[in-house]
Every structure is written in C-alpha cells, then in structure tokens.
Amino acid sequence: MNPGDTFRFTDPRDEPHLWIVLSEPGRVAVIVSASPKNLGLDLPIIEPGEHPSLSLRSFVRCDRARLVAADGLQQTLDRGVIHQSHPLSPGLLARIRAAILASEHTPGEIKEVWQPTRPRGGR
C-alpha cells in the first residue's frame, strides 16, 4: 500500500473507521484512523466531500496513529481482512501528514520513526 491509500476492515465490528496510510512503502507503515468522534481533542478535520468514503465531518485520530509492518498490512489485505477504499487527494494527504507531525497528541514513537521524505539537497 502507498501513501494516501485508505482501507476499512471487512468486518466493521473489528474497527468501523476509515484508516489512512501515511508513509512511503518500506518495512514500517504509519497508519491513522478517521472518526466522527472528536473526544474534545484538537485534531485535524476531514470535511464531508473531501473524501468519497466519509459522509460526516471526521477527525484524524493523531492519538491513535500506529506503526505496522508494511508486509503485514499487505498480507492483511491479501487475506481479505481489510479492503481498500478511495485514495486521498495529494492535498489532503499533505495536510494530514503535516498535522500528524505537528500534533501534541501523536505518539512520540511515530514522530521518532517517521518523517516525510525530504528532497535531496533540502535542509
């Protein structure tokens, strides 16, 4: 799976929310869910119409960002435990990535392991 790809669990009782892949393909993938519940946290928002799979205002759960083995994620897809949904637009992906790195609610291990790829010759 690639950055901006989204998925849902086939059985919504396992996890009903849309999940988003944020990191480049590699050994570890950074994933985060979008939920219509805010829980009083200052979280990035996906408005209705910004993604075809979300009909309600949804909050990107920085506090629930996870590191998963990229090959395990692919195996879960291949076994049918999850199914892919519509990918994010490049602009929405960029906005969510920036918010994940800036949020005080993002687990430290996510920020330590993952930084967006910087262009060569960049600072």
C-alpha atoms as a PDB file:
ATOM      1  CA  MET A   1       0.000   0.000   0.000  1.00  0.00           C
ATOM      2  CA  ASN A   2       1.140   3.530  -0.736  1.00  0.00           C
ATOM      3  CA  PRO A   3       0.820   6.931   0.951  1.00  0.00           C
ATOM      4  CA  GLY A   4      -2.739   8.184   0.672  1.00  0.00           C
ATOM      5  CA  ASP A   5      -4.228   4.718   0.284  1.00  0.00           C
ATOM      6  CA  THR A   6      -7.159   4.092   2.595  1.00  0.00           C
ATOM      7  CA  PHE A   7      -8.801   0.957   3.887  1.00  0.00           C
ATOM      8  CA  ARG A   8     -11.542  -0.381   6.112  1.00  0.00           C
ATOM      9  CA  PHE A   9     -11.840  -3.647   7.968  1.00  0.00           C
ATOM     10  CA  THR A  10     -14.106  -6.067   6.111  1.00  0.00           C
ATOM     11  CA  ASP A  11     -15.999  -6.748   9.349  1.00  0.00           C
ATOM     12  CA  PRO A  12     -16.888  -3.288  10.739  1.00  0.00           C
ATOM     13  CA  ARG A  13     -17.254  -4.813  14.208  1.00  0.00           C
ATOM     14  CA  ASP A  14     -13.446  -5.143  14.210  1.00  0.00           C
ATOM     15  CA  GLU A  15     -12.932  -1.432  13.529  1.00  0.00           C
ATOM     16  CA  PRO A  16     -15.583   0.724  11.845  1.00  0.00           C
ATOM     17  CA  HIS A  17     -13.413   3.700  10.848  1.00  0.00           C
ATOM     18  CA  LEU A  18     -11.527   4.587   7.680  1.00  0.00           C
ATOM     19  CA  TRP A  19      -7.759   4.028   8.013  1.00  0.00           C
ATOM     20  CA  ILE A  20      -5.171   6.024   6.076  1.00  0.00           C
ATOM     21  CA  VAL A  21      -1.639   5.003   5.059  1.00  0.00           C
ATOM     22  CA  LEU A  22       0.675   7.986   5.555  1.00  0.00           C
ATOM     23  CA  SER A  23       4.205   6.722   4.996  1.00  0.00           C
ATOM     24  CA  GLU A  24       6.214   5.619   1.990  1.00  0.00           C
ATOM     25  CA  PRO A  25       6.397   1.879   1.324  1.00  0.00           C
ATOM     26  CA  GLY A  26       9.106   0.206   3.386  1.00  0.00           C
ATOM     27  CA  ARG A  27       9.462  -2.027   6.412  1.00  0.00           C
ATOM     28  CA  VAL A  28       7.097   0.010   8.578  1.00  0.00           C
ATOM     29  CA  ALA A  29       3.947   1.895   7.613  1.00  0.00           C
ATOM     30  CA  VAL A  30       2.358   4.729   9.560  1.00  0.00           C
ATOM     31  CA  ILE A  31      -1.425   4.450   9.634  1.00  0.00           C
ATOM     32  CA  VAL A  32      -4.094   6.598  11.269  1.00  0.00           C
ATOM     33  CA  SER A  33      -7.878   6.403  11.527  1.00  0.00           C
ATOM     34  CA  ALA A  34     -10.578   8.974  10.812  1.00  0.00           C
ATOM     35  CA  SER A  35     -13.551   9.018  13.163  1.00  0.00           C
ATOM     36  CA  PRO A  36     -16.660  11.187  13.503  1.00  0.00           C
ATOM     37  CA  LYS A  37     -15.920  11.477  17.251  1.00  0.00           C
ATOM     38  CA  ASN A  38     -13.696  14.329  18.415  1.00  0.00           C
ATOM     39  CA  LEU A  39     -13.283  13.418  22.109  1.00  0.00           C
ATOM     40  CA  GLY A  40     -12.503  17.058  22.850  1.00  0.00           C
ATOM     41  CA  LEU A  41      -9.046  16.894  21.253  1.00  0.00           C
ATOM     42  CA  ASP A  42      -7.644  19.422  18.800  1.00  0.00           C
ATOM     43  CA  LEU A  43      -7.492  17.091  15.780  1.00  0.00           C
ATOM     44  CA  PRO A  44      -7.228  17.606  12.010  1.00  0.00           C
ATOM     45  CA  ILE A  45     -10.595  17.538  10.272  1.00  0.00           C
ATOM     46  CA  ILE A  46     -11.746  15.933   7.030  1.00  0.00           C
ATOM     47  CA  GLU A  47     -14.901  17.689   5.885  1.00  0.00           C
ATOM     48  CA  PRO A  48     -17.717  15.907   4.021  1.00  0.00           C
ATOM     49  CA  GLY A  49     -16.862  15.881   0.314  1.00  0.00           C
ATOM     50  CA  GLU A  50     -13.087  15.827   0.828  1.00  0.00           C
ATOM     51  CA  HIS A  51     -13.086  12.030   0.640  1.00  0.00           C
ATOM     52  CA  PRO A  52     -15.762   9.887  -1.034  1.00  0.00           C
ATOM     53  CA  SER A  53     -15.886   7.351   1.828  1.00  0.00           C
ATOM     54  CA  LEU A  54     -16.645   9.926   4.528  1.00  0.00           C
ATOM     55  CA  SER A  55     -20.114  11.446   4.633  1.00  0.00           C
ATOM     56  CA  LEU A  56     -19.684  13.024   8.090  1.00  0.00           C
ATOM     57  CA  ARG A  57     -17.145  15.513   9.378  1.00  0.00           C
ATOM     58  CA  SER A  58     -14.330  13.258  10.580  1.00  0.00           C
ATOM     59  CA  PHE A  59     -11.380  13.778  12.868  1.00  0.00           C
ATOM     60  CA  VAL A  60      -7.963  12.303  12.113  1.00  0.00           C
ATOM     61  CA  ARG A  61      -7.078  10.472  15.317  1.00  0.00           C
ATOM     62  CA  CYS A  62      -3.452  11.534  15.792  1.00  0.00           C
ATOM     63  CA  ASP A  63      -3.598   9.900  19.219  1.00  0.00           C
ATOM     64  CA  ARG A  64      -4.303   6.529  17.561  1.00  0.00           C
ATOM     65  CA  ALA A  65      -1.576   6.665  14.903  1.00  0.00           C
ATOM     66  CA  ARG A  66       0.162   3.314  14.648  1.00  0.00           C
ATOM     67  CA  LEU A  67       3.281   1.751  13.239  1.00  0.00           C
ATOM     68  CA  VAL A  68       2.583  -1.512  11.432  1.00  0.00           C
ATOM     69  CA  ALA A  69       4.782  -3.864   9.444  1.00  0.00           C
ATOM     70  CA  ALA A  70       4.223  -2.971   5.802  1.00  0.00           C
ATOM     71  CA  ASP A  71       4.323  -6.616   4.697  1.00  0.00           C
ATOM     72  CA  GLY A  72       1.813  -7.492   7.450  1.00  0.00           C
ATOM     73  CA  LEU A  73      -0.523  -4.791   6.194  1.00  0.00           C
ATOM     74  CA  GLN A  74      -0.281  -6.198   2.670  1.00  0.00           C
ATOM     75  CA  GLN A  75      -0.913  -9.732   3.957  1.00  0.00           C
ATOM     76  CA  THR A  76      -3.997  -8.497   5.829  1.00  0.00           C
ATOM     77  CA  LEU A  77      -5.247  -7.007   2.559  1.00  0.00           C
ATOM     78  CA  ASP A  78      -4.451 -10.198   0.613  1.00  0.00           C
ATOM     79  CA  ARG A  79      -6.353 -12.329   3.180  1.00  0.00           C
ATOM     80  CA  GLY A  80      -9.430 -10.095   2.881  1.00  0.00           C
ATOM     81  CA  VAL A  81      -9.384  -8.863   6.488  1.00  0.00           C
ATOM     82  CA  ILE A  82      -9.262  -5.307   5.147  1.00  0.00           C
ATOM     83  CA  HIS A  83     -10.350  -3.836   1.812  1.00  0.00           C
ATOM     84  CA  GLN A  84      -9.057  -0.757   0.065  1.00  0.00           C
ATOM     85  CA  SER A  85     -11.170   2.345  -0.272  1.00  0.00           C
ATOM     86  CA  HIS A  86     -10.612   5.505  -2.314  1.00  0.00           C
ATOM     87  CA  PRO A  87      -7.160   7.127  -2.019  1.00  0.00           C
ATOM     88  CA  LEU A  88      -6.752  10.606  -0.566  1.00  0.00           C
ATOM     89  CA  SER A  89      -6.120  13.562  -2.833  1.00  0.00           C
ATOM     90  CA  PRO A  90      -2.482  14.733  -2.733  1.00  0.00           C
ATOM     91  CA  GLY A  91      -3.521  17.955  -0.981  1.00  0.00           C
ATOM     92  CA  LEU A  92      -5.490  16.164   1.730  1.00  0.00           C
ATOM     93  CA  LEU A  93      -2.625  13.706   2.276  1.00  0.00           C
ATOM     94  CA  ALA A  94      -0.138  16.559   2.667  1.00  0.00           C
ATOM     95  CA  ARG A  95      -2.424  18.355   5.132  1.00  0.00           C
ATOM     96  CA  ILE A  96      -2.902  15.234   7.268  1.00  0.00           C
ATOM     97  CA  ARG A  97       0.815  14.374   7.248  1.00  0.00           C
ATOM     98  CA  ALA A  98       1.732  17.878   8.426  1.00  0.00           C
ATOM     99  CA  ALA A  99      -0.917  17.769  11.147  1.00  0.00           C
ATOM    100  CA  ILE A 100       0.253  14.351  12.406  1.00  0.00           C
ATOM    101  CA  LEU A 101       3.803  15.612  12.827  1.00  0.00           C
ATOM    102  CA  ALA A 102       2.670  18.861  14.485  1.00  0.00           C
ATOM    103  CA  SER A 103       0.072  17.390  16.848  1.00  0.00           C
ATOM    104  CA  GLU A 104       0.838  17.042  20.541  1.00  0.00           C
ATOM    105  CA  HIS A 105      -1.484  14.017  20.509  1.00  0.00           C
ATOM    106  CA  THR A 106       0.661  11.979  18.085  1.00  0.00           C
ATOM    107  CA  PRO A 107       2.612   9.265  19.941  1.00  0.00           C
ATOM    108  CA  GLY A 108       6.317  10.036  20.228  1.00  0.00           C
ATOM    109  CA  GLU A 109       7.328   6.777  18.554  1.00  0.00           C
ATOM    110  CA  ILE A 110       5.511   7.886  15.394  1.00  0.00           C
ATOM    111  CA  LYS A 111       7.403  11.163  15.285  1.00  0.00           C
ATOM    112  CA  GLU A 112      10.715   9.421  16.049  1.00  0.00           C
ATOM    113  CA  VAL A 113      10.364   6.752  13.361  1.00  0.00           C
ATOM    114  CA  TRP A 114       8.605   8.684  10.647  1.00  0.00           C
ATOM    115  CA  GLN A 115       9.489  11.919   8.994  1.00  0.00           C
ATOM    116  CA  PRO A 116       8.250  12.729   5.493  1.00  0.00           C
ATOM    117  CA  THR A 117      10.893  12.196   2.850  1.00  0.00           C
ATOM    118  CA  ARG A 118      12.844  15.379   2.216  1.00  0.00           C
ATOM    119  CA  PRO A 119      14.064  16.271  -1.258  1.00  0.00           C
ATOM    120  CA  ARG A 120      17.765  15.757  -1.860  1.00  0.00           C
ATOM    121  CA  GLY A 121      19.752  18.897  -1.200  1.00  0.00           C
ATOM    122  CA  GLY A 122      16.997  20.087   1.181  1.00  0.00           C
ATOM    123  CA  ARG A 123      17.622  21.262   4.694  1.00  0.00           C
END
